[in-house]
Amino acid sequence: MIFRDGSYAILQPAKRAALVNFGIHHWRWSAIPVCICLLWLIFPGDDRAELVAAQGQLAAANAQLGLMQRVKRNAIQQAHMAADAAAQQGRALRDSAQRKQSVALDLEAAHGAITSLKAKAVLAEEARNAMAASLAQANRAFDQERRRVELTGRDLALARQASDTNNTSADQAAIELAGALKGRQVAEANLNLSNNALQHSLQVARAQADLAARDLDVAHQERDAATQAAAEQHAALEEERQKALAMAINLSAARSAIDLVKSQSARRSARIGRAIEASVAAIPLASQSARQRNSSEKGNSKVHKSSKRVVVATTVTLPDALLPTTQGPRQ
């Protein structure tokens, strides 16, 4: 497996060194089957069962050692997987922090836009007040002109009643009255246009303010979602760290158990070797004593040979973390 931190070049020499150390410390495992074959050819038939039993115990020890090594490899793989998952969680947490910072910048921009729109609304309100003041002034001027026209009409009526010869003055007064009416209509039209423009400006400002408020609400929601996602990522990272710590503890227990099995296997192999050497050394002595007894007794007595069986029993105690369960081996 190739890791992102470049540990591939370190893992391969470690494996080769482990294999070399295993071959150096456990060379007796390859020599024991040769000794068993020699003893099987030398010993009589009743000792072959003992050798077969010893060979079975040796095979069981080899199987236990293989199981321990597989458990160790599985624990190492799980620890590497947990480290990769923790690295991915860290990158996800950094991405969430960047998104949160971007949302904060968007919120600041939205606040600036809202402030600008509020200033525009204030200016529009001031313009409306100015237009209202202008309209009031125009109304006052129109009222004054109307009163003046009424006064002129009364004066004209009086003039018509006083003299019918003053037609020119009457016509001039009529023209002035028509001009005043036309000026009033123009003033009303301008006032209506100003009111319409002011209403449109106010509607646009209100629509922009509503849009900015909605954008601000969306930005707040995104910020809350980013905060919640960051909290969830942090919790998941903490959980993965706890799992990695538990796997490291299990790996340490597995290594201790493997070292214990190796030491027990070495002691058991040494005891089996000493027992085999003692049995091999006892065979010539037993044959020589039998020949001496046969020559002295001249065949009158029978020699009964009894062979001692060497039984080596070894108990391997495993920790609770490596004991199999009903669902299979512990992970």
C-alpha atoms as a PDB file:
ATOM      1  CA  MET A   1       0.000   0.000   0.000  1.00  0.00           C
ATOM      2  CA  ILE A   2       1.288   3.493  -0.889  1.00  0.00           C
ATOM      3  CA  PHE A   3       0.452   6.219   1.646  1.00  0.00           C
ATOM      4  CA  ARG A   4       0.206   9.941   1.023  1.00  0.00           C
ATOM      5  CA  ASP A   5       2.927  10.704   3.569  1.00  0.00           C
ATOM      6  CA  GLY A   6       5.482   8.623   1.592  1.00  0.00           C
ATOM      7  CA  SER A   7       5.685   5.701   4.045  1.00  0.00           C
ATOM      8  CA  TYR A   8       5.930   3.120   1.211  1.00  0.00           C
ATOM      9  CA  ALA A   9       9.739   3.271   1.157  1.00  0.00           C
ATOM     10  CA  ILE A  10       9.835   2.754   4.944  1.00  0.00           C
ATOM     11  CA  LEU A  11       7.308  -0.115   5.043  1.00  0.00           C
ATOM     12  CA  GLN A  12       9.090  -2.386   2.504  1.00  0.00           C
ATOM     13  CA  PRO A  13      12.527  -2.493   4.284  1.00  0.00           C
ATOM     14  CA  ALA A  14      10.676  -3.072   7.553  1.00  0.00           C
ATOM     15  CA  LYS A  15       8.938  -6.111   6.031  1.00  0.00           C
ATOM     16  CA  ARG A  16      12.239  -7.483   4.711  1.00  0.00           C
ATOM     17  CA  ALA A  17      13.911  -6.966   8.092  1.00  0.00           C
ATOM     18  CA  ALA A  18      11.002  -8.713   9.828  1.00  0.00           C
ATOM     19  CA  LEU A  19      11.304 -11.718   7.478  1.00  0.00           C
ATOM     20  CA  VAL A  20      15.086 -11.920   8.041  1.00  0.00           C
ATOM     21  CA  ASN A  21      14.657 -11.723  11.837  1.00  0.00           C
ATOM     22  CA  PHE A  22      11.942 -14.381  11.707  1.00  0.00           C
ATOM     23  CA  GLY A  23      14.259 -16.721   9.726  1.00  0.00           C
ATOM     24  CA  ILE A  24      17.178 -16.109  12.125  1.00  0.00           C
ATOM     25  CA  HIS A  25      15.214 -16.581  15.351  1.00  0.00           C
ATOM     26  CA  HIS A  26      13.093 -19.520  14.118  1.00  0.00           C
ATOM     27  CA  TRP A  27      15.597 -21.669  12.173  1.00  0.00           C
ATOM     28  CA  ARG A  28      14.772 -24.517  14.527  1.00  0.00           C
ATOM     29  CA  TRP A  29      11.301 -24.755  12.953  1.00  0.00           C
ATOM     30  CA  SER A  30      12.887 -26.013   9.725  1.00  0.00           C
ATOM     31  CA  ALA A  31      15.319 -28.345  11.541  1.00  0.00           C
ATOM     32  CA  ILE A  32      12.672 -30.032  13.710  1.00  0.00           C
ATOM     33  CA  PRO A  33      10.928 -31.902  10.835  1.00  0.00           C
ATOM     34  CA  VAL A  34      14.329 -33.351   9.778  1.00  0.00           C
ATOM     35  CA  CYS A  35      14.959 -34.590  13.325  1.00  0.00           C
ATOM     36  CA  ILE A  36      11.458 -36.049  13.464  1.00  0.00           C
ATOM     37  CA  CYS A  37      12.068 -38.008  10.245  1.00  0.00           C
ATOM     38  CA  LEU A  38      15.391 -39.366  11.576  1.00  0.00           C
ATOM     39  CA  LEU A  39      13.807 -40.401  14.869  1.00  0.00           C
ATOM     40  CA  TRP A  40      10.930 -42.029  12.994  1.00  0.00           C
ATOM     41  CA  LEU A  41      13.473 -44.221  11.148  1.00  0.00           C
ATOM     42  CA  ILE A  42      15.504 -45.010  14.300  1.00  0.00           C
ATOM     43  CA  PHE A  43      12.865 -45.453  17.003  1.00  0.00           C
ATOM     44  CA  PRO A  44      10.613 -48.522  17.228  1.00  0.00           C
ATOM     45  CA  GLY A  45       6.897 -48.400  16.384  1.00  0.00           C
ATOM     46  CA  ASP A  46       5.614 -47.362  19.825  1.00  0.00           C
ATOM     47  CA  ASP A  47       7.686 -44.133  19.795  1.00  0.00           C
ATOM     48  CA  ARG A  48       6.312 -43.105  16.416  1.00  0.00           C
ATOM     49  CA  ALA A  49       2.996 -42.214  18.006  1.00  0.00           C
ATOM     50  CA  GLU A  50       4.840 -39.910  20.400  1.00  0.00           C
ATOM     51  CA  LEU A  51       6.648 -38.266  17.495  1.00  0.00           C
ATOM     52  CA  VAL A  52       3.376 -37.872  15.606  1.00  0.00           C
ATOM     53  CA  ALA A  53       1.845 -36.222  18.696  1.00  0.00           C
ATOM     54  CA  ALA A  54       4.822 -33.869  18.984  1.00  0.00           C
ATOM     55  CA  GLN A  55       4.528 -33.074  15.295  1.00  0.00           C
ATOM     56  CA  GLY A  56       0.814 -32.343  15.765  1.00  0.00           C
ATOM     57  CA  GLN A  57       1.602 -29.976  18.639  1.00  0.00           C
ATOM     58  CA  LEU A  58       4.201 -28.282  16.469  1.00  0.00           C
ATOM     59  CA  ALA A  59       1.658 -27.883  13.634  1.00  0.00           C
ATOM     60  CA  ALA A  60      -0.871 -26.429  16.114  1.00  0.00           C
ATOM     61  CA  ALA A  61       1.743 -23.931  17.319  1.00  0.00           C
ATOM     62  CA  ASN A  62       2.503 -22.986  13.703  1.00  0.00           C
ATOM     63  CA  ALA A  63      -1.230 -22.486  13.047  1.00  0.00           C
ATOM     64  CA  GLN A  64      -1.560 -20.266  16.142  1.00  0.00           C
ATOM     65  CA  LEU A  65       1.460 -18.225  15.073  1.00  0.00           C
ATOM     66  CA  GLY A  66      -0.004 -17.797  11.565  1.00  0.00           C
ATOM     67  CA  LEU A  67      -3.319 -16.674  13.078  1.00  0.00           C
ATOM     68  CA  MET A  68      -1.512 -14.106  15.227  1.00  0.00           C
ATOM     69  CA  GLN A  69       0.358 -12.759  12.215  1.00  0.00           C
ATOM     70  CA  ARG A  70      -2.867 -12.452  10.192  1.00  0.00           C
ATOM     71  CA  VAL A  71      -4.513 -10.598  13.094  1.00  0.00           C
ATOM     72  CA  LYS A  72      -1.504  -8.283  13.251  1.00  0.00           C
ATOM     73  CA  ARG A  73      -1.663  -7.546   9.501  1.00  0.00           C
ATOM     74  CA  ASN A  74      -5.409  -6.872   9.722  1.00  0.00           C
ATOM     75  CA  ALA A  75      -4.871  -4.493  12.648  1.00  0.00           C
ATOM     76  CA  ILE A  76      -2.142  -2.611  10.727  1.00  0.00           C
ATOM     77  CA  GLN A  77      -4.395  -2.271   7.654  1.00  0.00           C
ATOM     78  CA  GLN A  78      -7.282  -1.004   9.784  1.00  0.00           C
ATOM     79  CA  ALA A  79      -4.986   1.534  11.471  1.00  0.00           C
ATOM     80  CA  HIS A  80      -3.859   2.852   8.052  1.00  0.00           C
ATOM     81  CA  MET A  81      -7.487   3.040   6.874  1.00  0.00           C
ATOM     82  CA  ALA A  82      -8.417   4.982  10.023  1.00  0.00           C
ATOM     83  CA  ALA A  83      -5.519   7.394   9.406  1.00  0.00           C
ATOM     84  CA  ASP A  84      -6.709   7.973   5.804  1.00  0.00           C
ATOM     85  CA  ALA A  85     -10.284   8.569   7.024  1.00  0.00           C
ATOM     86  CA  ALA A  86      -9.018  11.066   9.637  1.00  0.00           C
ATOM     87  CA  ALA A  87      -7.061  12.925   6.922  1.00  0.00           C
ATOM     88  CA  GLN A  88     -10.171  13.095   4.716  1.00  0.00           C
ATOM     89  CA  GLN A  89     -12.237  14.407   7.651  1.00  0.00           C
ATOM     90  CA  GLY A  90      -9.589  17.094   8.268  1.00  0.00           C
ATOM     91  CA  ARG A  91      -9.723  18.236   4.632  1.00  0.00           C
ATOM     92  CA  ALA A  92     -13.539  18.307   4.767  1.00  0.00           C
ATOM     93  CA  LEU A  93     -13.353  20.430   7.942  1.00  0.00           C
ATOM     94  CA  ARG A  94     -10.996  22.917   6.244  1.00  0.00           C
ATOM     95  CA  ASP A  95     -13.334  23.129   3.219  1.00  0.00           C
ATOM     96  CA  SER A  96     -16.265  23.803   5.570  1.00  0.00           C
ATOM     97  CA  ALA A  97     -14.304  26.604   7.264  1.00  0.00           C
ATOM     98  CA  GLN A  98     -13.576  28.170   3.863  1.00  0.00           C
ATOM     99  CA  ARG A  99     -17.255  27.991   2.919  1.00  0.00           C
ATOM    100  CA  LYS A 100     -18.160  29.601   6.237  1.00  0.00           C
ATOM    101  CA  GLN A 101     -15.706  32.452   5.558  1.00  0.00           C
ATOM    102  CA  SER A 102     -17.202  32.938   2.071  1.00  0.00           C
ATOM    103  CA  VAL A 103     -20.711  33.099   3.568  1.00  0.00           C
ATOM    104  CA  ALA A 104     -19.491  35.708   6.069  1.00  0.00           C
ATOM    105  CA  LEU A 105     -18.126  37.834   3.201  1.00  0.00           C
ATOM    106  CA  ASP A 106     -21.473  37.506   1.381  1.00  0.00           C
ATOM    107  CA  LEU A 107     -23.247  38.642   4.556  1.00  0.00           C
ATOM    108  CA  GLU A 108     -21.032  41.713   4.766  1.00  0.00           C
ATOM    109  CA  ALA A 109     -21.768  42.528   1.100  1.00  0.00           C
ATOM    110  CA  ALA A 110     -25.520  42.097   1.729  1.00  0.00           C
ATOM    111  CA  HIS A 111     -25.332  44.420   4.750  1.00  0.00           C
ATOM    112  CA  GLY A 112     -23.573  47.020   2.581  1.00  0.00           C
ATOM    113  CA  ALA A 113     -26.252  46.710  -0.129  1.00  0.00           C
ATOM    114  CA  ILE A 114     -29.031  47.097   2.450  1.00  0.00           C
ATOM    115  CA  THR A 115     -27.354  50.191   3.893  1.00  0.00           C
ATOM    116  CA  SER A 116     -27.094  51.701   0.393  1.00  0.00           C
ATOM    117  CA  LEU A 117     -30.753  50.935  -0.325  1.00  0.00           C
ATOM    118  CA  LYS A 118     -31.783  52.503   2.976  1.00  0.00           C
ATOM    119  CA  ALA A 119     -29.863  55.661   2.026  1.00  0.00           C
ATOM    120  CA  LYS A 120     -31.595  55.702  -1.377  1.00  0.00           C
ATOM    121  CA  ALA A 121     -34.979  55.281   0.323  1.00  0.00           C
ATOM    122  CA  VAL A 122     -34.201  58.234   2.610  1.00  0.00           C
ATOM    123  CA  LEU A 123     -33.270  60.349  -0.430  1.00  0.00           C
ATOM    124  CA  ALA A 124     -36.490  59.293  -2.203  1.00  0.00           C
ATOM    125  CA  GLU A 125     -38.513  60.222   0.877  1.00  0.00           C
ATOM    126  CA  GLU A 126     -36.811  63.616   0.977  1.00  0.00           C
ATOM    127  CA  ALA A 127     -37.570  64.114  -2.739  1.00  0.00           C
ATOM    128  CA  ARG A 128     -41.181  63.187  -2.108  1.00  0.00           C
ATOM    129  CA  ASN A 129     -41.398  65.700   0.724  1.00  0.00           C
ATOM    130  CA  ALA A 130     -39.881  68.331  -1.564  1.00  0.00           C
ATOM    131  CA  MET A 131     -42.411  67.490  -4.287  1.00  0.00           C
ATOM    132  CA  ALA A 132     -45.220  67.681  -1.738  1.00  0.00           C
ATOM    133  CA  ALA A 133     -43.953  71.101  -0.636  1.00  0.00           C
ATOM    134  CA  SER A 134     -43.809  72.218  -4.284  1.00  0.00           C
ATOM    135  CA  LEU A 135     -47.333  70.915  -4.829  1.00  0.00           C
ATOM    136  CA  ALA A 136     -48.585  72.809  -1.778  1.00  0.00           C
ATOM    137  CA  GLN A 137     -46.904  75.959  -3.025  1.00  0.00           C
ATOM    138  CA  ALA A 138     -48.462  75.462  -6.496  1.00  0.00           C
ATOM    139  CA  ASN A 139     -51.868  74.948  -4.883  1.00  0.00           C
ATOM    140  CA  ARG A 140     -51.451  78.164  -2.916  1.00  0.00           C
ATOM    141  CA  ALA A 141     -50.438  80.000  -6.087  1.00  0.00           C
ATOM    142  CA  PHE A 142     -53.399  78.477  -7.910  1.00  0.00           C
ATOM    143  CA  ASP A 143     -55.765  79.559  -5.137  1.00  0.00           C
ATOM    144  CA  GLN A 144     -54.340  83.043  -5.264  1.00  0.00           C
ATOM    145  CA  GLU A 145     -54.735  83.089  -9.039  1.00  0.00           C
ATOM    146  CA  ARG A 146     -58.282  81.758  -8.738  1.00  0.00           C
ATOM    147  CA  ARG A 147     -59.174  84.459  -6.239  1.00  0.00           C
ATOM    148  CA  ARG A 148     -57.586  87.019  -8.492  1.00  0.00           C
ATOM    149  CA  VAL A 149     -59.578  85.628 -11.440  1.00  0.00           C
ATOM    150  CA  GLU A 150     -62.733  85.748  -9.380  1.00  0.00           C
ATOM    151  CA  LEU A 151     -61.957  89.299  -8.426  1.00  0.00           C
ATOM    152  CA  THR A 152     -61.224  90.046 -12.056  1.00  0.00           C
ATOM    153  CA  GLY A 153     -64.523  88.411 -13.068  1.00  0.00           C
ATOM    154  CA  ARG A 154     -66.383  90.499 -10.573  1.00  0.00           C
ATOM    155  CA  ASP A 155     -64.570  93.575 -11.749  1.00  0.00           C
ATOM    156  CA  LEU A 156     -65.386  92.611 -15.318  1.00  0.00           C
ATOM    157  CA  ALA A 157     -69.034  92.152 -14.486  1.00  0.00           C
ATOM    158  CA  LEU A 158     -69.029  95.510 -12.789  1.00  0.00           C
ATOM    159  CA  ALA A 159     -67.285  97.001 -15.785  1.00  0.00           C
ATOM    160  CA  ARG A 160     -69.825  95.418 -18.135  1.00  0.00           C
ATOM    161  CA  GLN A 161     -72.602  96.740 -15.999  1.00  0.00           C
ATOM    162  CA  ALA A 162     -70.907 100.168 -15.796  1.00  0.00           C
ATOM    163  CA  SER A 163     -70.126 100.491 -19.455  1.00  0.00           C
ATOM    164  CA  ASP A 164     -70.644  98.354 -22.450  1.00  0.00           C
ATOM    165  CA  THR A 165     -67.972 100.311 -24.315  1.00  0.00           C
ATOM    166  CA  ASN A 166     -65.093  98.671 -22.334  1.00  0.00           C
ATOM    167  CA  ASN A 167     -65.125  95.489 -24.441  1.00  0.00           C
ATOM    168  CA  THR A 168     -61.392  95.526 -24.920  1.00  0.00           C
ATOM    169  CA  SER A 169     -60.747  95.308 -21.181  1.00  0.00           C
ATOM    170  CA  ALA A 170     -63.270  92.544 -20.865  1.00  0.00           C
ATOM    171  CA  ASP A 171     -61.673  90.557 -23.657  1.00  0.00           C
ATOM    172  CA  GLN A 172     -58.253  91.034 -22.066  1.00  0.00           C
ATOM    173  CA  ALA A 173     -59.589  89.851 -18.751  1.00  0.00           C
ATOM    174  CA  ALA A 174     -61.095  86.803 -20.456  1.00  0.00           C
ATOM    175  CA  ILE A 175     -57.764  86.052 -22.097  1.00  0.00           C
ATOM    176  CA  GLU A 176     -55.996  86.372 -18.747  1.00  0.00           C
ATOM    177  CA  LEU A 177     -58.577  84.087 -17.173  1.00  0.00           C
ATOM    178  CA  ALA A 178     -58.067  81.484 -19.926  1.00  0.00           C
ATOM    179  CA  GLY A 179     -54.300  81.753 -19.469  1.00  0.00           C
ATOM    180  CA  ALA A 180     -54.680  81.280 -15.733  1.00  0.00           C
ATOM    181  CA  LEU A 181     -56.843  78.191 -16.281  1.00  0.00           C
ATOM    182  CA  LYS A 182     -54.330  76.792 -18.740  1.00  0.00           C
ATOM    183  CA  GLY A 183     -51.479  77.438 -16.305  1.00  0.00           C
ATOM    184  CA  ARG A 184     -53.437  75.627 -13.621  1.00  0.00           C
ATOM    185  CA  GLN A 185     -53.927  72.610 -15.919  1.00  0.00           C
ATOM    186  CA  VAL A 186     -50.213  72.568 -16.776  1.00  0.00           C
ATOM    187  CA  ALA A 187     -49.313  72.780 -13.079  1.00  0.00           C
ATOM    188  CA  GLU A 188     -51.682  69.895 -12.249  1.00  0.00           C
ATOM    189  CA  ALA A 189     -50.216  67.781 -15.094  1.00  0.00           C
ATOM    190  CA  ASN A 190     -46.656  68.450 -13.870  1.00  0.00           C
ATOM    191  CA  LEU A 191     -47.713  67.638 -10.325  1.00  0.00           C
ATOM    192  CA  ASN A 192     -49.257  64.317 -11.459  1.00  0.00           C
ATOM    193  CA  LEU A 193     -46.109  63.415 -13.385  1.00  0.00           C
ATOM    194  CA  SER A 194     -43.970  64.222 -10.351  1.00  0.00           C
ATOM    195  CA  ASN A 195     -46.204  62.104  -8.088  1.00  0.00           C
ATOM    196  CA  ASN A 196     -46.084  59.178 -10.532  1.00  0.00           C
ATOM    197  CA  ALA A 197     -42.285  59.335 -10.785  1.00  0.00           C
ATOM    198  CA  LEU A 198     -41.987  59.537  -7.009  1.00  0.00           C
ATOM    199  CA  GLN A 199     -44.310  56.541  -6.524  1.00  0.00           C
ATOM    200  CA  HIS A 200     -42.321  54.517  -9.067  1.00  0.00           C
ATOM    201  CA  SER A 201     -39.043  55.383  -7.325  1.00  0.00           C
ATOM    202  CA  LEU A 202     -40.494  54.364  -3.967  1.00  0.00           C
ATOM    203  CA  GLN A 203     -41.761  51.054  -5.386  1.00  0.00           C
ATOM    204  CA  VAL A 204     -38.351  50.276  -6.918  1.00  0.00           C
ATOM    205  CA  ALA A 205     -36.588  51.123  -3.644  1.00  0.00           C
ATOM    206  CA  ARG A 206     -39.009  48.935  -1.664  1.00  0.00           C
ATOM    207  CA  ALA A 207     -38.535  46.022  -4.103  1.00  0.00           C
ATOM    208  CA  GLN A 208     -34.757  46.327  -3.832  1.00  0.00           C
ATOM    209  CA  ALA A 209     -34.990  46.450  -0.035  1.00  0.00           C
ATOM    210  CA  ASP A 210     -37.207  43.325  -0.004  1.00  0.00           C
ATOM    211  CA  LEU A 211     -34.769  41.494  -2.312  1.00  0.00           C
ATOM    212  CA  ALA A 212     -31.830  42.474  -0.122  1.00  0.00           C
ATOM    213  CA  ALA A 213     -33.722  41.276   2.982  1.00  0.00           C
ATOM    214  CA  ARG A 214     -34.404  37.914   1.308  1.00  0.00           C
ATOM    215  CA  ASP A 215     -30.734  37.637   0.306  1.00  0.00           C
ATOM    216  CA  LEU A 216     -29.775  38.397   3.889  1.00  0.00           C
ATOM    217  CA  ASP A 217     -32.107  35.658   5.172  1.00  0.00           C
ATOM    218  CA  VAL A 218     -30.626  33.163   2.686  1.00  0.00           C
ATOM    219  CA  ALA A 219     -27.102  34.168   3.749  1.00  0.00           C
ATOM    220  CA  HIS A 220     -28.037  33.649   7.416  1.00  0.00           C
ATOM    221  CA  GLN A 221     -29.436  30.208   6.596  1.00  0.00           C
ATOM    222  CA  GLU A 222     -26.283  29.261   4.672  1.00  0.00           C
ATOM    223  CA  ARG A 223     -24.140  30.468   7.553  1.00  0.00           C
ATOM    224  CA  ASP A 224     -26.154  28.389  10.046  1.00  0.00           C
ATOM    225  CA  ALA A 225     -25.931  25.345   7.746  1.00  0.00           C
ATOM    226  CA  ALA A 226     -22.177  25.818   7.370  1.00  0.00           C
ATOM    227  CA  THR A 227     -21.793  26.132  11.153  1.00  0.00           C
ATOM    228  CA  GLN A 228     -23.816  22.960  11.714  1.00  0.00           C
ATOM    229  CA  ALA A 229     -21.835  21.097   9.024  1.00  0.00           C
ATOM    230  CA  ALA A 230     -18.574  22.208  10.643  1.00  0.00           C
ATOM    231  CA  ALA A 231     -19.795  20.928  14.028  1.00  0.00           C
ATOM    232  CA  GLU A 232     -20.800  17.594  12.482  1.00  0.00           C
ATOM    233  CA  GLN A 233     -17.441  17.289  10.711  1.00  0.00           C
ATOM    234  CA  HIS A 234     -15.653  18.016  13.988  1.00  0.00           C
ATOM    235  CA  ALA A 235     -17.710  15.343  15.806  1.00  0.00           C
ATOM    236  CA  ALA A 236     -17.010  12.790  13.040  1.00  0.00           C
ATOM    237  CA  LEU A 237     -13.293  13.616  13.188  1.00  0.00           C
ATOM    238  CA  GLU A 238     -13.281  13.118  16.970  1.00  0.00           C
ATOM    239  CA  GLU A 239     -15.050   9.752  16.549  1.00  0.00           C
ATOM    240  CA  GLU A 240     -12.514   8.615  13.926  1.00  0.00           C
ATOM    241  CA  ARG A 241      -9.689   9.674  16.245  1.00  0.00           C
ATOM    242  CA  GLN A 242     -11.169   7.575  19.062  1.00  0.00           C
ATOM    243  CA  LYS A 243     -11.457   4.600  16.678  1.00  0.00           C
ATOM    244  CA  ALA A 244      -7.842   5.023  15.573  1.00  0.00           C
ATOM    245  CA  LEU A 245      -6.753   5.144  19.236  1.00  0.00           C
ATOM    246  CA  ALA A 246      -8.712   1.946  19.992  1.00  0.00           C
ATOM    247  CA  MET A 247      -7.163   0.231  16.962  1.00  0.00           C
ATOM    248  CA  ALA A 248      -3.688   1.280  18.122  1.00  0.00           C
ATOM    249  CA  ILE A 249      -4.397  -0.246  21.561  1.00  0.00           C
ATOM    250  CA  ASN A 250      -5.619  -3.494  19.937  1.00  0.00           C
ATOM    251  CA  LEU A 251      -2.523  -3.559  17.715  1.00  0.00           C
ATOM    252  CA  SER A 252      -0.264  -3.181  20.756  1.00  0.00           C
ATOM    253  CA  ALA A 253      -2.115  -6.038  22.492  1.00  0.00           C
ATOM    254  CA  ALA A 254      -1.748  -8.200  19.345  1.00  0.00           C
ATOM    255  CA  ARG A 255       1.985  -7.521  19.206  1.00  0.00           C
ATOM    256  CA  SER A 256       2.357  -8.444  22.883  1.00  0.00           C
ATOM    257  CA  ALA A 257       0.412 -11.667  22.317  1.00  0.00           C
ATOM    258  CA  ILE A 258       2.546 -12.560  19.274  1.00  0.00           C
ATOM    259  CA  ASP A 259       5.739 -11.971  21.268  1.00  0.00           C
ATOM    260  CA  LEU A 260       4.335 -14.185  24.049  1.00  0.00           C
ATOM    261  CA  VAL A 261       3.491 -16.963  21.567  1.00  0.00           C
ATOM    262  CA  LYS A 262       6.940 -16.686  19.993  1.00  0.00           C
ATOM    263  CA  SER A 263       8.663 -16.994  23.386  1.00  0.00           C
ATOM    264  CA  GLN A 264       6.445 -19.924  24.408  1.00  0.00           C
ATOM    265  CA  SER A 265       7.080 -21.665  21.069  1.00  0.00           C
ATOM    266  CA  ALA A 266      10.845 -21.175  21.448  1.00  0.00           C
ATOM    267  CA  ARG A 267      10.790 -22.668  24.959  1.00  0.00           C
ATOM    268  CA  ARG A 268       8.628 -25.565  23.811  1.00  0.00           C
ATOM    269  CA  SER A 269      10.958 -26.244  20.835  1.00  0.00           C
ATOM    270  CA  ALA A 270      13.943 -26.231  23.197  1.00  0.00           C
ATOM    271  CA  ARG A 271      12.210 -28.744  25.506  1.00  0.00           C
ATOM    272  CA  ILE A 272      11.306 -30.992  22.559  1.00  0.00           C
ATOM    273  CA  GLY A 273      14.915 -30.835  21.271  1.00  0.00           C
ATOM    274  CA  ARG A 274      16.315 -31.750  24.698  1.00  0.00           C
ATOM    275  CA  ALA A 275      13.855 -34.625  25.008  1.00  0.00           C
ATOM    276  CA  ILE A 276      14.795 -35.932  21.548  1.00  0.00           C
ATOM    277  CA  GLU A 277      18.518 -35.664  22.332  1.00  0.00           C
ATOM    278  CA  ALA A 278      18.007 -37.520  25.620  1.00  0.00           C
ATOM    279  CA  SER A 279      16.070 -40.267  23.820  1.00  0.00           C
ATOM    280  CA  VAL A 280      18.772 -40.607  21.152  1.00  0.00           C
ATOM    281  CA  ALA A 281      21.498 -40.796  23.818  1.00  0.00           C
ATOM    282  CA  ALA A 282      19.567 -43.426  25.794  1.00  0.00           C
ATOM    283  CA  ILE A 283      19.273 -45.871  22.850  1.00  0.00           C
ATOM    284  CA  PRO A 284      22.996 -47.039  22.705  1.00  0.00           C
ATOM    285  CA  LEU A 285      23.166 -47.380  26.515  1.00  0.00           C
ATOM    286  CA  ALA A 286      20.031 -49.505  26.580  1.00  0.00           C
ATOM    287  CA  SER A 287      21.369 -51.772  23.770  1.00  0.00           C
ATOM    288  CA  GLN A 288      24.766 -52.261  25.506  1.00  0.00           C
ATOM    289  CA  SER A 289      23.216 -53.164  28.880  1.00  0.00           C
ATOM    290  CA  ALA A 290      20.886 -55.618  27.151  1.00  0.00           C
ATOM    291  CA  ARG A 291      23.827 -57.411  25.466  1.00  0.00           C
ATOM    292  CA  GLN A 292      25.689 -57.656  28.783  1.00  0.00           C
ATOM    293  CA  ARG A 293      22.696 -59.166  30.539  1.00  0.00           C
ATOM    294  CA  ASN A 294      22.199 -61.677  27.713  1.00  0.00           C
ATOM    295  CA  SER A 295      25.847 -62.850  27.861  1.00  0.00           C
ATOM    296  CA  SER A 296      25.905 -63.247  31.676  1.00  0.00           C
ATOM    297  CA  GLU A 297      22.599 -65.045  32.031  1.00  0.00           C
ATOM    298  CA  LYS A 298      23.187 -67.240  28.868  1.00  0.00           C
ATOM    299  CA  GLY A 299      19.652 -66.934  27.701  1.00  0.00           C
ATOM    300  CA  ASN A 300      18.005 -68.149  30.988  1.00  0.00           C
ATOM    301  CA  SER A 301      16.327 -64.880  31.672  1.00  0.00           C
ATOM    302  CA  LYS A 302      14.341 -62.653  29.377  1.00  0.00           C
ATOM    303  CA  VAL A 303      15.008 -58.991  29.121  1.00  0.00           C
ATOM    304  CA  HIS A 304      11.973 -56.766  29.188  1.00  0.00           C
ATOM    305  CA  LYS A 305      12.501 -53.338  27.737  1.00  0.00           C
ATOM    306  CA  SER A 306      10.402 -50.440  28.747  1.00  0.00           C
ATOM    307  CA  SER A 307      10.671 -47.196  26.922  1.00  0.00           C
ATOM    308  CA  LYS A 308       9.938 -43.861  28.502  1.00  0.00           C
ATOM    309  CA  ARG A 309       7.708 -41.580  26.630  1.00  0.00           C
ATOM    310  CA  VAL A 310       8.374 -37.901  26.688  1.00  0.00           C
ATOM    311  CA  VAL A 311       5.188 -35.943  26.663  1.00  0.00           C
ATOM    312  CA  VAL A 312       5.514 -32.200  26.305  1.00  0.00           C
ATOM    313  CA  ALA A 313       2.388 -30.200  26.969  1.00  0.00           C
ATOM    314  CA  THR A 314       2.382 -26.522  26.353  1.00  0.00           C
ATOM    315  CA  THR A 315      -0.422 -24.132  27.122  1.00  0.00           C
ATOM    316  CA  VAL A 316      -0.623 -20.867  25.181  1.00  0.00           C
ATOM    317  CA  THR A 317      -2.658 -18.146  26.897  1.00  0.00           C
ATOM    318  CA  LEU A 318      -4.106 -15.490  24.612  1.00  0.00           C
ATOM    319  CA  PRO A 319      -5.403 -12.076  25.725  1.00  0.00           C
ATOM    320  CA  ASP A 320      -9.140 -11.365  25.614  1.00  0.00           C
ATOM    321  CA  ALA A 321      -8.696  -9.027  22.612  1.00  0.00           C
ATOM    322  CA  LEU A 322      -7.451 -11.966  20.442  1.00  0.00           C
ATOM    323  CA  LEU A 323      -9.866 -14.691  21.581  1.00  0.00           C
ATOM    324  CA  PRO A 324     -12.372 -15.761  18.884  1.00  0.00           C
ATOM    325  CA  THR A 325     -16.059 -15.020  19.383  1.00  0.00           C
ATOM    326  CA  THR A 326     -19.282 -16.540  18.008  1.00  0.00           C
ATOM    327  CA  GLN A 327     -19.184 -14.041  15.114  1.00  0.00           C
ATOM    328  CA  GLY A 328     -15.545 -14.870  14.209  1.00  0.00           C
ATOM    329  CA  PRO A 329     -12.155 -13.392  15.156  1.00  0.00           C
ATOM    330  CA  ARG A 330     -12.096 -10.050  16.900  1.00  0.00           C
ATOM    331  CA  GLN A 331     -11.313  -7.063  14.688  1.00  0.00           C
END
